[in-house]
C-alpha atoms as a PDB file:
ATOM      1  CA  UNK A   1      -5.748   3.804  14.027  1.00  0.00           C
ATOM      2  CA  UNK A   2      -7.002   5.607  11.080  1.00  0.00           C
ATOM      3  CA  UNK A   3      -7.972   2.978   9.497  1.00  0.00           C
ATOM      4  CA  UNK A   4     -10.507   1.391  11.846  1.00  0.00           C
ATOM      5  CA  UNK A   5     -12.671   5.095  11.492  1.00  0.00           C
ATOM      6  CA  UNK A   6     -13.257   4.489   7.928  1.00  0.00           C
ATOM      7  CA  UNK A   7     -15.975   2.430   8.039  1.00  0.00           C
ATOM      8  CA  UNK A   8     -17.483  -0.745   6.372  1.00  0.00           C
ATOM      9  CA  UNK A   9     -15.382  -0.204   3.687  1.00  0.00           C
ATOM     10  CA  UNK A  10     -12.876  -1.757   2.273  1.00  0.00           C
ATOM     11  CA  UNK A  11      -9.091   0.013   2.301  1.00  0.00           C
ATOM     12  CA  UNK A  12      -5.427  -1.156   1.402  1.00  0.00           C
ATOM     13  CA  UNK A  13      -2.435   0.556   2.756  1.00  0.00           C
ATOM     14  CA  UNK A  14       1.279   0.212   1.137  1.00  0.00           C
ATOM     15  CA  UNK A  15       4.409   0.959   3.049  1.00  0.00           C
ATOM     16  CA  UNK A  16       7.539   0.383   1.378  1.00  0.00           C
ATOM     17  CA  UNK A  17      10.397  -0.186   3.499  1.00  0.00           C
ATOM     18  CA  UNK A  18      13.632  -0.653   2.049  1.00  0.00           C
ATOM     19  CA  UNK A  19      13.516  -3.575   0.025  1.00  0.00           C
ATOM     20  CA  UNK A  20       9.844  -5.016   1.565  1.00  0.00           C
ATOM     21  CA  UNK A  21       6.369  -3.609   0.013  1.00  0.00           C
ATOM     22  CA  UNK A  22       3.970  -4.240   3.355  1.00  0.00           C
ATOM     23  CA  UNK A  23       0.904  -4.352   2.006  1.00  0.00           C
ATOM     24  CA  UNK A  24      -2.284  -4.674   4.605  1.00  0.00           C
ATOM     25  CA  UNK A  25      -6.282  -5.299   3.997  1.00  0.00           C
ATOM     26  CA  UNK A  26      -8.995  -3.771   6.150  1.00  0.00           C
ATOM     27  CA  UNK A  27     -12.842  -3.623   5.978  1.00  0.00           C
ATOM     28  CA  UNK A  28     -15.469  -3.188   8.350  1.00  0.00           C
ATOM     29  CA  UNK A  29     -12.287  -1.556  11.202  1.00  0.00           C
ATOM     30  CA  UNK A  30     -10.963  -5.154  11.082  1.00  0.00           C
ATOM     31  CA  UNK A  31      -7.665  -6.455   9.790  1.00  0.00           C
ATOM     32  CA  UNK A  32      -8.701  -8.785   6.697  1.00  0.00           C
ATOM     33  CA  UNK A  33      -5.286  -9.420   4.610  1.00  0.00           C
ATOM     34  CA  UNK A  34      -2.036  -9.081   5.096  1.00  0.00           C
ATOM     35  CA  UNK A  35       0.999  -9.964   3.377  1.00  0.00           C
ATOM     36  CA  UNK A  36       4.784  -8.524   2.011  1.00  0.00           C
ATOM     37  CA  UNK A  37       6.682  -8.821  -1.272  1.00  0.00           C
ATOM     38  CA  UNK A  38      10.123  -9.174  -0.615  1.00  0.00           C
ATOM     39  CA  UNK A  39      13.255  -8.529  -3.031  1.00  0.00           C
ATOM     40  CA  UNK A  40      11.058  -8.251  -6.244  1.00  0.00           C
ATOM     41  CA  UNK A  41      12.607  -7.697  -8.909  1.00  0.00           C
ATOM     42  CA  UNK A  42       9.372  -6.148 -10.384  1.00  0.00           C
ATOM     43  CA  UNK A  43       8.215  -5.322  -7.545  1.00  0.00           C
ATOM     44  CA  UNK A  44       4.852  -4.337  -9.408  1.00  0.00           C
ATOM     45  CA  UNK A  45       4.320  -7.491 -11.460  1.00  0.00           C
ATOM     46  CA  UNK A  46       4.426  -9.103  -7.877  1.00  0.00           C
ATOM     47  CA  UNK A  47       2.149  -6.715  -6.554  1.00  0.00           C
ATOM     48  CA  UNK A  48      -0.197  -7.141  -9.351  1.00  0.00           C
ATOM     49  CA  UNK A  49       0.128 -11.408  -9.110  1.00  0.00           C
ATOM     50  CA  UNK A  50      -0.853 -11.022  -5.346  1.00  0.00           C
ATOM     51  CA  UNK A  51      -3.531  -9.435  -5.787  1.00  0.00           C
ATOM     52  CA  UNK A  52      -5.170 -11.636  -8.091  1.00  0.00           C
ATOM     53  CA  UNK A  53      -4.199 -14.276  -6.606  1.00  0.00           C
ATOM     54  CA  UNK A  54      -6.099 -13.047  -3.628  1.00  0.00           C
ATOM     55  CA  UNK A  55      -9.050 -11.689  -5.781  1.00  0.00           C
ATOM     56  CA  UNK A  56      -8.402  -7.502  -4.213  1.00  0.00           C
ATOM     57  CA  UNK A  57      -9.293  -5.349  -6.823  1.00  0.00           C
ATOM     58  CA  UNK A  58      -8.400  -1.830  -4.948  1.00  0.00           C
ATOM     59  CA  UNK A  59      -9.499   1.436  -6.703  1.00  0.00           C
ATOM     60  CA  UNK A  60      -7.543   3.159  -3.829  1.00  0.00           C
ATOM     61  CA  UNK A  61      -4.732   2.708  -1.680  1.00  0.00           C
ATOM     62  CA  UNK A  62      -2.706   4.997   0.844  1.00  0.00           C
ATOM     63  CA  UNK A  63       0.638   4.761   0.626  1.00  0.00           C
ATOM     64  CA  UNK A  64       3.499   5.217   3.402  1.00  0.00           C
ATOM     65  CA  UNK A  65       6.735   6.273   2.535  1.00  0.00           C
ATOM     66  CA  UNK A  66       9.885   6.662   4.816  1.00  0.00           C
ATOM     67  CA  UNK A  67      11.381  10.470   4.707  1.00  0.00           C
ATOM     68  CA  UNK A  68      14.462   9.084   3.342  1.00  0.00           C
ATOM     69  CA  UNK A  69      12.441   7.897   0.201  1.00  0.00           C
ATOM     70  CA  UNK A  70      10.809  11.684  -0.649  1.00  0.00           C
ATOM     71  CA  UNK A  71      12.576  14.391  -2.405  1.00  0.00           C
ATOM     72  CA  UNK A  72      10.685  17.679  -1.901  1.00  0.00           C
ATOM     73  CA  UNK A  73      11.878  20.437  -5.053  1.00  0.00           C
ATOM     74  CA  UNK A  74      10.867  23.704  -5.481  1.00  0.00           C
ATOM     75  CA  UNK A  75       8.456  24.503  -8.482  1.00  0.00           C
ATOM     76  CA  UNK A  76       8.741  28.102  -9.529  1.00  0.00           C
ATOM     77  CA  UNK A  77       5.308  28.481 -11.576  1.00  0.00           C
ATOM     78  CA  UNK A  78       5.125  31.344 -13.919  1.00  0.00           C
END
């Protein structure tokens, strides 16, 4: 697993699957915490509340999206 090779820093990963945000927290190669936010009307607020309740303060996050959620648009630059 990629997160296992990143050393002792705390790493956060979020995967968006349909109506669910799944969050994993890894530290020193070990899974420290996981939780999911399901069917939230305001998922950003629910995520913030979960992070605050667990006293987690991520500076960076790795985000996983299904290919069907991603749109690639060609931009023409001057």
